[in-house]
Amino acid sequence: MSQKSMVYDHPAYINRLCHAFGANTAGAASATAKFVAFTSMHVFSITATSFVVGTSTYTGWNGTATGTATASGDTIAGIKVSGTSTSTYGPYLLDAAQGGFARIQISGTGVGSSTANGGVALTVGDTFNLVRGTDATAVEVTAIEYAVDPLALVSS
């Protein structure tokens, strides 16, 4: 299969894309399927909508400071695997009633940064998935927002 690098301002490089994981299963620390980077890219945010509310209270990063989620909350973390190295981004609070929406900007510098800071870099073959907190009943529908890096190789 041949590959190509398109012009720097090609729409594939300047548009944000979404990968929806779908609803997770109820149960502590349930994980989504893994997203595999098909070229060089950056993950900029995690989005989640509460489908079934949780029953626990959690402490985590709320985007600007460490906070505590209410009894309907849960947490979510991003997991990047690059070769034999694993990086965790989070836990982030999902403090929303059923139908509530959360958009969490993630940073390559980890939890504690209130800005996206350029997102989390993925190279070809890296995987990225999401892991819920320990609430046994919460269910969220999740997705990631990403962009292909300029001049990254894609299939022709």
Protein backbone atom coordinates (compact mmCIF):
# COMPACT_ATOMS: atom_id res chain seq x y z
CA MET A 1 0.00 0.00 0.00
CA SER A 2 1.36 3.38 -0.90
CA GLN A 3 1.36 6.37 1.41
CA LYS A 4 1.43 10.09 0.85
CA SER A 5 1.91 13.32 2.73
CA MET A 6 -0.60 15.96 1.74
CA VAL A 7 -0.23 19.75 1.63
CA TYR A 8 0.22 21.29 5.09
CA ASP A 9 -3.20 23.03 5.01
CA HIS A 10 -5.12 20.02 3.66
CA PRO A 11 -8.48 19.58 5.51
CA ALA A 12 -7.30 16.24 6.92
CA TYR A 13 -4.77 18.18 9.01
CA ILE A 14 -6.81 21.19 10.10
CA ASN A 15 -10.10 19.48 11.01
CA ARG A 16 -10.73 17.75 14.31
CA LEU A 17 -11.98 14.17 14.14
CA CYS A 18 -13.93 12.06 16.63
CA HIS A 19 -13.70 8.43 17.63
CA ALA A 20 -16.77 7.24 19.57
CA PHE A 21 -16.19 4.33 21.93
CA GLY A 22 -19.88 3.88 22.70
CA ALA A 23 -21.36 2.99 26.07
CA ASN A 24 -19.17 1.19 28.56
CA THR A 25 -20.46 -1.67 30.65
CA ALA A 26 -21.41 -1.13 34.27
CA GLY A 27 -18.80 -2.31 36.72
CA ALA A 28 -15.76 -0.94 38.47
CA ALA A 29 -12.85 0.16 36.26
CA SER A 30 -14.49 -0.95 33.00
CA ALA A 31 -12.44 -0.02 29.95
CA THR A 32 -13.31 0.94 26.39
CA ALA A 33 -11.90 -0.76 23.34
CA LYS A 34 -8.51 0.56 22.24
CA PHE A 35 -8.16 3.23 19.55
CA VAL A 36 -5.06 2.56 17.41
CA ALA A 37 -3.20 5.52 15.89
CA PHE A 38 -2.99 4.97 12.14
CA THR A 39 -0.56 7.89 11.70
CA SER A 40 0.97 10.65 13.82
CA MET A 41 -1.79 12.54 15.65
CA HIS A 42 -2.79 14.35 18.84
CA VAL A 43 -5.73 13.56 21.14
CA PHE A 44 -7.17 16.84 22.45
CA SER A 45 -10.18 15.91 24.54
CA ILE A 46 -12.33 13.23 26.11
CA THR A 47 -16.10 13.63 25.95
CA ALA A 48 -18.64 11.72 27.99
CA THR A 49 -22.38 11.71 28.52
CA SER A 50 -23.83 10.03 31.59
CA PHE A 51 -26.22 7.28 30.54
CA VAL A 52 -26.71 5.68 33.97
CA VAL A 53 -25.70 7.77 36.98
CA GLY A 54 -23.18 6.54 39.51
CA THR A 55 -23.70 6.11 43.22
CA SER A 56 -20.30 7.13 44.62
CA THR A 57 -18.34 10.28 45.44
CA TYR A 58 -14.90 10.79 43.87
CA THR A 59 -11.94 13.13 43.98
CA GLY A 60 -10.24 14.03 40.71
CA TRP A 61 -9.31 16.84 38.34
CA ASN A 62 -12.25 18.97 37.17
CA GLY A 63 -10.38 20.97 34.53
CA THR A 64 -9.19 23.80 36.74
CA ALA A 65 -8.47 22.23 40.12
CA THR A 66 -8.76 19.05 42.13
CA GLY A 67 -12.41 18.68 43.11
CA THR A 68 -14.96 16.21 44.40
CA ALA A 69 -17.79 14.74 42.33
CA THR A 70 -21.23 14.37 43.83
CA ALA A 71 -22.85 11.04 44.64
CA SER A 72 -23.96 10.76 40.99
CA GLY A 73 -20.40 11.05 39.73
CA ASP A 74 -17.66 8.86 38.39
CA THR A 75 -14.14 9.37 37.06
CA ILE A 76 -12.52 8.61 33.75
CA ALA A 77 -8.88 8.35 32.73
CA GLY A 78 -7.14 8.13 29.38
CA ILE A 79 -4.55 5.37 28.92
CA LYS A 80 -1.86 5.65 26.22
CA VAL A 81 0.33 2.66 25.38
CA SER A 82 3.39 3.34 23.24
CA GLY A 83 5.54 0.24 22.82
CA THR A 84 6.28 -0.93 26.37
CA SER A 85 5.52 2.47 27.94
CA THR A 86 2.11 3.27 29.48
CA SER A 87 0.95 6.80 30.36
CA THR A 88 -2.20 7.69 32.31
CA TYR A 89 -4.07 10.98 31.90
CA GLY A 90 -6.51 11.57 34.73
CA PRO A 91 -8.54 10.69 36.66
CA TYR A 92 -10.96 13.38 35.55
CA LEU A 93 -14.30 14.00 37.22
CA LEU A 94 -17.58 13.20 35.50
CA ASP A 95 -19.95 15.03 37.81
CA ALA A 96 -23.19 14.99 35.88
CA ALA A 97 -26.70 13.74 36.32
CA GLN A 98 -28.14 11.33 33.77
CA GLY A 99 -27.88 12.94 30.35
CA GLY A 100 -25.16 15.31 31.58
CA PHE A 101 -22.26 16.05 29.23
CA ALA A 102 -18.58 16.60 30.03
CA ARG A 103 -15.76 17.69 27.70
CA ILE A 104 -12.31 17.31 29.22
CA GLN A 105 -9.28 18.85 27.53
CA ILE A 106 -6.27 16.62 28.06
CA SER A 107 -2.64 17.60 28.18
CA GLY A 108 0.62 15.85 27.43
CA THR A 109 1.87 17.37 30.70
CA GLY A 110 -0.72 15.34 32.65
CA VAL A 111 -3.28 16.25 35.29
CA GLY A 112 -2.90 19.69 36.79
CA SER A 113 -2.81 21.70 33.59
CA SER A 114 -5.96 23.70 32.95
CA THR A 115 -5.27 23.99 29.22
CA ALA A 116 -5.08 21.39 26.46
CA ASN A 117 -1.40 22.29 26.06
CA GLY A 118 -1.22 20.74 22.61
CA GLY A 119 -2.96 17.48 23.47
CA VAL A 120 -1.43 14.03 23.86
CA ALA A 121 0.83 12.92 20.99
CA LEU A 122 0.29 9.47 19.44
CA THR A 123 2.56 7.86 16.86
CA VAL A 124 1.74 5.02 14.48
CA GLY A 125 0.71 1.93 16.45
CA ASP A 126 0.14 3.68 19.79
CA THR A 127 -3.14 2.82 21.49
CA PHE A 128 -5.44 5.06 23.51
CA ASN A 129 -8.44 3.98 25.54
CA LEU A 130 -10.53 5.13 28.48
CA VAL A 131 -10.97 3.52 31.90
CA ARG A 132 -13.79 4.40 34.28
CA GLY A 133 -13.52 4.82 38.02
CA THR A 134 -14.65 2.30 40.61
CA ASP A 135 -18.38 3.03 40.64
CA ALA A 136 -20.26 -0.24 40.04
CA THR A 137 -23.37 1.24 38.41
CA ALA A 138 -22.32 4.25 36.29
CA VAL A 139 -22.43 3.98 32.50
CA GLU A 140 -21.10 6.66 30.15
CA VAL A 141 -21.03 7.05 26.40
CA THR A 142 -17.52 8.27 25.54
CA ALA A 143 -15.47 9.62 22.65
CA ILE A 144 -12.12 11.27 21.95
CA GLU A 145 -11.40 14.31 19.79
CA TYR A 146 -8.19 14.08 17.77
CA ALA A 147 -6.38 15.61 14.80
CA VAL A 148 -3.89 14.16 12.33
CA ASP A 149 -0.50 15.92 12.60
CA PRO A 150 0.50 18.11 9.66
CA LEU A 151 2.52 16.21 7.04
CA ALA A 152 1.79 12.84 8.68
CA LEU A 153 1.66 9.97 6.23
CA VAL A 154 -1.78 8.64 5.25
CA SER A 155 -2.92 5.95 2.81
CA SER A 156 -3.16 7.09 -0.78
